[in-house]
Amino acid sequence: MFWLDHWRDDILLKDEFSRLFALESNKQISVQEKLVNGLLSSLRRNPRGGAESTQMEHLAQAMNSVVLRDEPDCWIWPLDATGCFSAASTRRYIEDQQDI
């Protein structure tokens, strides 16, 4: 979900751009739907200057680098070089932490 999932950074977009989230008519809109239809497409009204316009400018800049790929979403497991979860990689991580 565009506003409610951690898909871009550590902070949720609803928190980073709270004034725009307040204008959103579809709080559970998908990333694809929001980016394909446009950032303004599902807002109740256009931003009216001040903080709303500033947040829209920053959101538009942040979305410039987003590229949607035509492939299914996947989880990434950073504890293994393959990116795949395994009990062994979890065990190795825990053992490494105990050695510190």
C-alpha atoms as a PDB file:
ATOM      1  CA  MET A   1       0.000   0.000   0.000  1.00  0.00           C
ATOM      2  CA  PHE A   2       1.293   3.406  -1.001  1.00  0.00           C
ATOM      3  CA  TRP A   3       0.713   5.165   2.319  1.00  0.00           C
ATOM      4  CA  LEU A   4       0.647   2.304   4.833  1.00  0.00           C
ATOM      5  CA  ASP A   5       3.506  -0.072   3.906  1.00  0.00           C
ATOM      6  CA  HIS A   6       7.274   0.300   4.319  1.00  0.00           C
ATOM      7  CA  TRP A   7       8.128   0.131   0.617  1.00  0.00           C
ATOM      8  CA  ARG A   8      10.330   3.179   0.133  1.00  0.00           C
ATOM      9  CA  ASP A   9      12.251   3.990   3.314  1.00  0.00           C
ATOM     10  CA  ASP A  10      12.045   3.333   7.030  1.00  0.00           C
ATOM     11  CA  ILE A  11       9.297   5.905   7.513  1.00  0.00           C
ATOM     12  CA  LEU A  12       5.751   5.383   6.257  1.00  0.00           C
ATOM     13  CA  LEU A  13       4.630   7.883   3.640  1.00  0.00           C
ATOM     14  CA  LYS A  14       1.504   8.601   5.727  1.00  0.00           C
ATOM     15  CA  ASP A  15       3.806   9.887   8.481  1.00  0.00           C
ATOM     16  CA  GLU A  16       6.304  11.693   6.266  1.00  0.00           C
ATOM     17  CA  PHE A  17       3.558  13.405   4.240  1.00  0.00           C
ATOM     18  CA  SER A  18       0.795  13.616   6.828  1.00  0.00           C
ATOM     19  CA  ARG A  19      -0.951  16.638   5.286  1.00  0.00           C
ATOM     20  CA  LEU A  20      -1.318  14.795   1.963  1.00  0.00           C
ATOM     21  CA  PHE A  21      -2.439  11.624   3.708  1.00  0.00           C
ATOM     22  CA  ALA A  22      -5.222  13.667   5.337  1.00  0.00           C
ATOM     23  CA  LEU A  23      -6.376  14.648   1.826  1.00  0.00           C
ATOM     24  CA  GLU A  24      -6.280  11.055   0.542  1.00  0.00           C
ATOM     25  CA  SER A  25      -9.697   9.578  -0.215  1.00  0.00           C
ATOM     26  CA  ASN A  26      -8.347   6.015  -0.624  1.00  0.00           C
ATOM     27  CA  LYS A  27      -6.060   5.397   2.360  1.00  0.00           C
ATOM     28  CA  GLN A  28      -5.327   1.841   1.160  1.00  0.00           C
ATOM     29  CA  ILE A  29      -4.393   2.722  -2.427  1.00  0.00           C
ATOM     30  CA  SER A  30      -1.681   0.550  -3.980  1.00  0.00           C
ATOM     31  CA  VAL A  31       1.699   1.866  -5.059  1.00  0.00           C
ATOM     32  CA  GLN A  32       0.946   0.934  -8.658  1.00  0.00           C
ATOM     33  CA  GLU A  33      -2.453   2.631  -8.717  1.00  0.00           C
ATOM     34  CA  LYS A  34      -1.102   5.819  -7.121  1.00  0.00           C
ATOM     35  CA  LEU A  35       1.875   6.111  -9.453  1.00  0.00           C
ATOM     36  CA  VAL A  36       0.080   5.099 -12.650  1.00  0.00           C
ATOM     37  CA  ASN A  37      -2.932   7.375 -12.096  1.00  0.00           C
ATOM     38  CA  GLY A  38      -0.930  10.263 -10.634  1.00  0.00           C
ATOM     39  CA  LEU A  39      -0.224  11.522  -7.151  1.00  0.00           C
ATOM     40  CA  LEU A  40      -3.196  13.899  -7.214  1.00  0.00           C
ATOM     41  CA  SER A  41      -5.672  11.393  -8.643  1.00  0.00           C
ATOM     42  CA  SER A  42      -7.134  10.081  -5.387  1.00  0.00           C
ATOM     43  CA  LEU A  43      -6.941  13.229  -3.266  1.00  0.00           C
ATOM     44  CA  ARG A  44     -10.218  14.830  -2.166  1.00  0.00           C
ATOM     45  CA  ARG A  45      -8.872  18.163  -3.442  1.00  0.00           C
ATOM     46  CA  ASN A  46      -5.615  19.602  -4.703  1.00  0.00           C
ATOM     47  CA  PRO A  47      -3.062  20.863  -2.153  1.00  0.00           C
ATOM     48  CA  ARG A  48      -3.691  24.527  -1.268  1.00  0.00           C
ATOM     49  CA  GLY A  49      -0.251  25.981  -0.713  1.00  0.00           C
ATOM     50  CA  GLY A  50       1.830  26.114   2.433  1.00  0.00           C
ATOM     51  CA  ALA A  51       2.655  22.757   3.995  1.00  0.00           C
ATOM     52  CA  GLU A  52       0.392  20.861   1.596  1.00  0.00           C
ATOM     53  CA  SER A  53       2.139  22.205  -1.508  1.00  0.00           C
ATOM     54  CA  THR A  54       5.574  21.749   0.041  1.00  0.00           C
ATOM     55  CA  GLN A  55       4.781  18.140   0.906  1.00  0.00           C
ATOM     56  CA  MET A  56       3.448  17.536  -2.640  1.00  0.00           C
ATOM     57  CA  GLU A  57       6.665  18.899  -4.139  1.00  0.00           C
ATOM     58  CA  HIS A  58       8.787  16.668  -1.876  1.00  0.00           C
ATOM     59  CA  LEU A  59       6.615  13.619  -2.579  1.00  0.00           C
ATOM     60  CA  ALA A  60       6.815  14.211  -6.340  1.00  0.00           C
ATOM     61  CA  GLN A  61      10.617  14.500  -6.107  1.00  0.00           C
ATOM     62  CA  ALA A  62      10.815  11.287  -4.074  1.00  0.00           C
ATOM     63  CA  MET A  63       8.652   9.418  -6.592  1.00  0.00           C
ATOM     64  CA  ASN A  64      10.769  10.500  -9.594  1.00  0.00           C
ATOM     65  CA  SER A  65      13.251   7.708  -8.874  1.00  0.00           C
ATOM     66  CA  VAL A  66      10.633   4.973  -8.377  1.00  0.00           C
ATOM     67  CA  VAL A  67      10.472   2.411 -11.177  1.00  0.00           C
ATOM     68  CA  LEU A  68       7.679  -0.151 -11.191  1.00  0.00           C
ATOM     69  CA  ARG A  69       8.651  -3.552 -12.550  1.00  0.00           C
ATOM     70  CA  ASP A  70       6.256  -6.041 -14.015  1.00  0.00           C
ATOM     71  CA  GLU A  71       7.153  -8.827 -11.604  1.00  0.00           C
ATOM     72  CA  PRO A  72       5.697 -10.109  -8.352  1.00  0.00           C
ATOM     73  CA  ASP A  73       6.722  -8.587  -5.042  1.00  0.00           C
ATOM     74  CA  CYS A  74       9.210 -10.558  -2.996  1.00  0.00           C
ATOM     75  CA  TRP A  75      10.757 -10.509   0.443  1.00  0.00           C
ATOM     76  CA  ILE A  76      14.484  -9.898   0.723  1.00  0.00           C
ATOM     77  CA  TRP A  77      16.412 -11.699   3.470  1.00  0.00           C
ATOM     78  CA  PRO A  78      19.546  -9.648   4.199  1.00  0.00           C
ATOM     79  CA  LEU A  79      21.135 -12.303   6.438  1.00  0.00           C
ATOM     80  CA  ASP A  80      22.036 -14.516   3.496  1.00  0.00           C
ATOM     81  CA  ALA A  81      23.932 -13.621   0.316  1.00  0.00           C
ATOM     82  CA  THR A  82      21.280 -15.342  -1.810  1.00  0.00           C
ATOM     83  CA  GLY A  83      18.560 -13.140  -0.339  1.00  0.00           C
ATOM     84  CA  CYS A  84      16.565 -16.240   0.620  1.00  0.00           C
ATOM     85  CA  PHE A  85      15.445 -17.075   4.137  1.00  0.00           C
ATOM     86  CA  SER A  86      16.859 -20.160   5.821  1.00  0.00           C
ATOM     87  CA  ALA A  87      16.965 -21.377   9.385  1.00  0.00           C
ATOM     88  CA  ALA A  88      20.710 -21.885   8.957  1.00  0.00           C
ATOM     89  CA  SER A  89      21.305 -18.213   8.099  1.00  0.00           C
ATOM     90  CA  THR A  90      19.277 -17.189  11.143  1.00  0.00           C
ATOM     91  CA  ARG A  91      21.266 -19.535  13.377  1.00  0.00           C
ATOM     92  CA  ARG A  92      24.576 -18.214  11.976  1.00  0.00           C
ATOM     93  CA  TYR A  93      23.447 -14.640  12.636  1.00  0.00           C
ATOM     94  CA  ILE A  94      22.489 -15.418  16.239  1.00  0.00           C
ATOM     95  CA  GLU A  95      25.768 -17.230  16.840  1.00  0.00           C
ATOM     96  CA  ASP A  96      27.737 -14.325  15.344  1.00  0.00           C
ATOM     97  CA  GLN A  97      25.938 -11.880  17.647  1.00  0.00           C
ATOM     98  CA  GLN A  98      26.811 -13.987  20.695  1.00  0.00           C
ATOM     99  CA  ASP A  99      30.503 -13.859  19.750  1.00  0.00           C
ATOM    100  CA  ILE A 100      30.534 -10.055  19.901  1.00  0.00           C
END
